[in-house]
């Protein structure tokens, strides 16, 4: 476990145009790998309550590295604030309850004998009582449309089913911010569309790292473009997807259905 930086003054309070408070504020975040390669360069942005935000960019842009900072799995230089909490040693457990991270591969998240035990893992380690854990598990599985799968073995599920269960494992902790890394990777068209509909209906503030620009268009009204460890564009999805030169410059391909 990395040693996190010591407490620092809170980031300035930033409000959105509609008056919402920030859920996530990142200020001048940089990160170097042990070999000296710099993966993040003074990244700064704010996400407000209720926003659904895409994080797009080519392979190696730093998207996954950035996501792993949001609940302290990696530690760089800079400031991260979730709600009113600055990310530091003393707040790490509370931050991890607030930030639900869903990995690209659900097999990295599902390791218990049954679906019920996988979804119960987070609430159990939050110290909830048995009846509270059961309520949290039932609620989370209902949210992802998998209520009948509680006693199934995760290993035997399809990729799409596993991804839904992975989302349920973080929903069980009722996070304020849902963070997803390439959620549509490996899905067939039907499972992909089902996942998009699921994510659209969830109330949580959301940041999604993805190469799937059709998913971005359909689900995520705001888009951050990342390249070589920097945020190079931040704006409305519709406008940025219409900027073919911007997408080409930063290694993104405009799918044919978007051109039409």
Protein backbone atom coordinates (compact mmCIF):
# COMPACT_ATOMS: atom_id res chain seq x y z
CA UNK A 1 0.00 0.00 0.00
CA UNK A 2 1.53 3.33 -0.99
CA UNK A 3 2.05 6.00 1.62
CA UNK A 4 -0.24 8.88 0.82
CA UNK A 5 0.71 12.51 1.20
CA UNK A 6 0.04 14.34 4.44
CA UNK A 7 -3.13 16.43 4.95
CA UNK A 8 -3.32 19.69 3.06
CA UNK A 9 -5.80 22.56 2.86
CA UNK A 10 -9.02 21.78 1.02
CA UNK A 11 -9.31 22.67 -2.63
CA UNK A 12 -11.30 25.82 -3.38
CA UNK A 13 -15.04 25.27 -3.48
CA UNK A 14 -16.11 25.22 -7.11
CA UNK A 15 -19.74 25.29 -8.19
CA UNK A 16 -21.17 24.32 -11.53
CA UNK A 17 -23.34 26.60 -13.66
CA UNK A 18 -26.44 24.89 -12.26
CA UNK A 19 -25.27 25.37 -8.67
CA UNK A 20 -24.21 21.77 -7.99
CA UNK A 21 -21.29 21.11 -5.69
CA UNK A 22 -18.19 19.29 -6.98
CA UNK A 23 -18.06 15.54 -6.42
CA UNK A 24 -14.47 15.24 -7.68
CA UNK A 25 -11.81 17.94 -7.92
CA UNK A 26 -8.31 17.20 -9.23
CA UNK A 27 -5.61 19.85 -9.13
CA UNK A 28 -2.16 19.57 -10.77
CA UNK A 29 -1.93 15.78 -10.51
CA UNK A 30 1.32 14.30 -11.83
CA UNK A 31 2.61 10.74 -11.61
CA UNK A 32 5.91 9.03 -12.42
CA UNK A 33 6.35 5.27 -12.78
CA UNK A 34 9.31 3.67 -10.97
CA UNK A 35 11.30 3.64 -14.23
CA UNK A 36 11.06 7.44 -14.35
CA UNK A 37 8.46 7.64 -17.13
CA UNK A 38 5.92 10.38 -16.47
CA UNK A 39 2.38 9.08 -16.95
CA UNK A 40 0.38 12.13 -15.78
CA UNK A 41 1.27 15.79 -16.35
CA UNK A 42 -0.43 18.35 -14.06
CA UNK A 43 -3.94 17.00 -14.68
CA UNK A 44 -6.72 19.28 -13.39
CA UNK A 45 -10.51 19.07 -13.76
CA UNK A 46 -13.69 19.09 -11.69
CA UNK A 47 -16.79 16.89 -11.94
CA UNK A 48 -20.05 18.03 -10.36
CA UNK A 49 -22.89 16.04 -8.86
CA UNK A 50 -25.01 14.29 -11.46
CA UNK A 51 -22.55 14.62 -14.34
CA UNK A 52 -21.76 11.65 -16.59
CA UNK A 53 -18.31 12.26 -18.08
CA UNK A 54 -16.27 10.38 -20.69
CA UNK A 55 -12.49 10.08 -20.46
CA UNK A 56 -11.18 9.23 -23.92
CA UNK A 57 -7.77 8.95 -25.51
CA UNK A 58 -5.40 6.52 -27.25
CA UNK A 59 -3.74 3.56 -25.55
CA UNK A 60 -1.04 4.83 -23.21
CA UNK A 61 -2.70 8.21 -22.72
CA UNK A 62 -2.85 7.71 -18.95
CA UNK A 63 -6.57 7.04 -18.54
CA UNK A 64 -6.30 3.93 -16.37
CA UNK A 65 -3.44 5.45 -14.39
CA UNK A 66 -5.63 8.45 -13.63
CA UNK A 67 -8.56 6.29 -12.55
CA UNK A 68 -6.38 4.33 -10.12
CA UNK A 69 -5.58 7.59 -8.33
CA UNK A 70 -9.21 8.32 -7.55
CA UNK A 71 -9.36 5.95 -4.59
CA UNK A 72 -5.70 5.82 -3.67
CA UNK A 73 -4.54 2.71 -5.55
CA UNK A 74 -1.80 4.91 -7.01
CA UNK A 75 -0.34 8.06 -5.48
CA UNK A 76 1.07 10.97 -7.42
CA UNK A 77 1.86 14.60 -6.73
CA UNK A 78 -1.09 16.95 -6.62
CA UNK A 79 -4.48 17.19 -4.97
CA UNK A 80 -7.56 15.01 -5.19
CA UNK A 81 -10.77 15.87 -3.37
CA UNK A 82 -13.93 13.76 -3.27
CA UNK A 83 -16.83 15.77 -1.94
CA UNK A 84 -15.49 17.49 1.16
CA UNK A 85 -12.67 14.96 1.70
CA UNK A 86 -9.10 15.43 0.51
CA UNK A 87 -7.42 12.15 -0.43
CA UNK A 88 -4.86 11.37 2.29
CA UNK A 89 -3.95 8.59 4.70
CA UNK A 90 -6.65 9.35 7.22
CA UNK A 91 -9.48 9.64 4.69
CA UNK A 92 -8.60 6.69 2.46
CA UNK A 93 -11.27 4.27 3.83
CA UNK A 94 -13.99 6.92 3.50
CA UNK A 95 -12.82 7.84 -0.01
CA UNK A 96 -12.95 4.21 -1.13
CA UNK A 97 -16.55 3.99 0.08
CA UNK A 98 -17.41 7.10 -1.93
CA UNK A 99 -15.58 6.15 -5.16
CA UNK A 100 -16.74 2.89 -6.75
CA UNK A 101 -14.11 1.67 -9.23
CA UNK A 102 -15.16 -0.96 -11.81
CA UNK A 103 -12.16 -2.53 -13.55
CA UNK A 104 -12.04 -3.31 -17.27
CA UNK A 105 -11.96 -7.06 -16.65
CA UNK A 106 -14.69 -8.25 -14.28
CA UNK A 107 -12.50 -11.24 -13.41
CA UNK A 108 -10.28 -8.78 -11.51
CA UNK A 109 -13.28 -7.91 -9.33
CA UNK A 110 -15.11 -11.22 -8.88
CA UNK A 111 -13.31 -13.79 -6.74
CA UNK A 112 -15.84 -15.23 -4.28
CA UNK A 113 -17.66 -18.57 -4.64
CA UNK A 114 -21.03 -16.94 -5.37
CA UNK A 115 -22.43 -13.70 -6.76
CA UNK A 116 -23.97 -12.92 -3.37
CA UNK A 117 -20.59 -13.15 -1.64
CA UNK A 118 -18.91 -10.99 -4.29
CA UNK A 119 -21.49 -8.23 -3.90
CA UNK A 120 -21.41 -8.52 -0.10
CA UNK A 121 -17.62 -8.12 0.10
CA UNK A 122 -17.60 -4.31 0.22
CA UNK A 123 -20.45 -3.84 2.72
CA UNK A 124 -18.93 -6.57 4.91
CA UNK A 125 -15.63 -4.68 5.13
CA UNK A 126 -17.52 -1.47 5.85
CA UNK A 127 -18.62 -3.09 9.10
CA UNK A 128 -22.33 -3.29 8.31
CA UNK A 129 -24.60 -5.64 10.22
CA UNK A 130 -25.77 -8.86 8.59
CA UNK A 131 -29.25 -7.56 7.78
CA UNK A 132 -27.78 -4.33 6.37
CA UNK A 133 -25.43 -6.34 4.16
CA UNK A 134 -28.29 -8.46 2.84
CA UNK A 135 -30.31 -5.34 2.08
CA UNK A 136 -27.33 -3.75 0.28
CA UNK A 137 -26.74 -6.90 -1.79
CA UNK A 138 -30.39 -7.24 -2.78
CA UNK A 139 -30.64 -3.55 -3.70
CA UNK A 140 -27.46 -3.61 -5.81
CA UNK A 141 -28.43 -6.76 -7.70
CA UNK A 142 -31.88 -5.30 -8.37
CA UNK A 143 -30.27 -2.12 -9.74
CA UNK A 144 -28.28 -4.08 -12.32
CA UNK A 145 -31.12 -6.45 -13.20
CA UNK A 146 -29.43 -9.51 -11.67
CA UNK A 147 -31.64 -10.20 -8.64
CA UNK A 148 -32.07 -13.87 -9.63
CA UNK A 149 -28.31 -14.47 -9.83
CA UNK A 150 -27.39 -14.18 -6.14
CA UNK A 151 -26.60 -17.87 -5.71
CA UNK A 152 -24.93 -18.35 -9.08
CA UNK A 153 -21.21 -18.95 -9.50
CA UNK A 154 -19.61 -15.82 -11.02
CA UNK A 155 -17.07 -17.86 -12.97
CA UNK A 156 -19.84 -19.47 -15.04
CA UNK A 157 -21.50 -16.22 -16.13
CA UNK A 158 -21.16 -14.53 -19.53
CA UNK A 159 -18.92 -11.49 -19.90
CA UNK A 160 -21.94 -9.19 -19.97
CA UNK A 161 -23.39 -10.79 -16.83
CA UNK A 162 -20.02 -10.56 -15.08
CA UNK A 163 -19.79 -6.86 -15.90
CA UNK A 164 -23.21 -6.24 -14.38
CA UNK A 165 -22.19 -8.10 -11.22
CA UNK A 166 -18.94 -6.09 -11.08
CA UNK A 167 -21.02 -2.91 -11.17
CA UNK A 168 -23.23 -4.33 -8.40
CA UNK A 169 -20.18 -4.94 -6.18
CA UNK A 170 -19.53 -1.20 -6.05
CA UNK A 171 -23.19 -0.13 -6.01
CA UNK A 172 -23.61 -2.17 -2.82
CA UNK A 173 -21.47 0.46 -1.06
CA UNK A 174 -23.68 3.27 -2.39
CA UNK A 175 -20.80 5.33 -3.84
CA UNK A 176 -21.15 8.99 -4.74
CA UNK A 177 -18.92 8.55 -7.80
CA UNK A 178 -18.94 5.56 -10.15
CA UNK A 179 -15.69 5.08 -12.09
CA UNK A 180 -15.61 2.60 -14.98
CA UNK A 181 -12.63 1.51 -17.08
CA UNK A 182 -13.61 0.39 -20.62
CA UNK A 183 -17.02 -0.99 -19.56
CA UNK A 184 -18.07 -2.04 -23.08
CA UNK A 185 -14.85 -3.93 -23.91
CA UNK A 186 -15.49 -7.53 -24.92
CA UNK A 187 -19.27 -7.19 -25.14
CA UNK A 188 -21.44 -8.28 -28.05
CA UNK A 189 -23.88 -5.65 -29.42
CA UNK A 190 -26.83 -6.81 -27.32
CA UNK A 191 -24.85 -6.90 -24.06
CA UNK A 192 -23.27 -3.55 -24.90
CA UNK A 193 -26.64 -1.88 -25.45
CA UNK A 194 -27.98 -3.44 -22.27
CA UNK A 195 -25.03 -2.05 -20.31
CA UNK A 196 -25.50 1.44 -21.78
CA UNK A 197 -29.15 1.39 -20.71
CA UNK A 198 -28.14 0.25 -17.24
CA UNK A 199 -25.57 3.01 -16.81
CA UNK A 200 -27.95 5.64 -18.14
CA UNK A 201 -30.50 4.76 -15.45
CA UNK A 202 -28.07 4.85 -12.52
CA UNK A 203 -28.24 8.05 -10.46
CA UNK A 204 -24.57 8.18 -9.52
CA UNK A 205 -22.16 10.76 -10.87
CA UNK A 206 -20.00 8.88 -13.36
CA UNK A 207 -16.63 9.00 -15.11
CA UNK A 208 -16.06 6.42 -17.84
CA UNK A 209 -12.73 5.73 -19.55
CA UNK A 210 -13.42 4.28 -22.98
CA UNK A 211 -12.47 3.99 -26.65
CA UNK A 212 -16.14 3.44 -27.53
CA UNK A 213 -17.20 6.79 -28.98
CA UNK A 214 -20.69 5.53 -29.76
CA UNK A 215 -21.14 4.77 -26.06
CA UNK A 216 -19.81 8.25 -25.31
CA UNK A 217 -22.30 9.82 -27.70
CA UNK A 218 -25.24 7.86 -26.29
CA UNK A 219 -24.45 8.09 -22.58
CA UNK A 220 -21.96 10.78 -21.58
CA UNK A 221 -22.79 14.46 -22.24
CA UNK A 222 -19.32 15.75 -21.29
CA UNK A 223 -16.02 14.51 -22.68
CA UNK A 224 -12.41 14.84 -21.49
CA UNK A 225 -9.80 14.03 -24.14
CA UNK A 226 -6.51 12.75 -22.75
CA UNK A 227 -3.21 12.26 -24.59
CA UNK A 228 0.32 11.67 -23.33
CA UNK A 229 -0.78 12.13 -19.73
CA UNK A 230 -2.50 15.49 -20.28
CA UNK A 231 -6.10 16.67 -20.58
CA UNK A 232 -6.06 18.26 -24.04
CA UNK A 233 -9.79 19.02 -24.40
CA UNK A 234 -12.78 19.28 -22.08
CA UNK A 235 -16.22 20.10 -23.41
CA UNK A 236 -19.64 19.00 -24.56
CA UNK A 237 -19.53 15.58 -26.16
CA UNK A 238 -21.52 16.63 -29.21
CA UNK A 239 -19.10 19.45 -30.03
CA UNK A 240 -15.91 17.44 -29.47
CA UNK A 241 -17.15 14.45 -31.46
CA UNK A 242 -17.86 16.81 -34.36
CA UNK A 243 -14.22 18.00 -34.33
CA UNK A 244 -12.66 15.39 -36.61
CA UNK A 245 -9.28 17.13 -36.59
CA UNK A 246 -9.12 17.02 -32.79
CA UNK A 247 -10.01 13.32 -32.71
CA UNK A 248 -7.49 12.42 -35.41
CA UNK A 249 -4.72 14.40 -33.73
CA UNK A 250 -5.19 12.48 -30.52
CA UNK A 251 -5.55 8.97 -31.90
CA UNK A 252 -9.32 8.64 -31.84
CA UNK A 253 -11.33 7.27 -34.74
CA UNK A 254 -14.76 8.59 -35.57
CA UNK A 255 -17.07 5.56 -36.15
CA UNK A 256 -19.06 5.58 -39.37
CA UNK A 257 -22.48 5.82 -37.60
CA UNK A 258 -21.31 9.08 -36.03
CA UNK A 259 -20.36 10.56 -39.41
CA UNK A 260 -23.90 10.03 -40.67
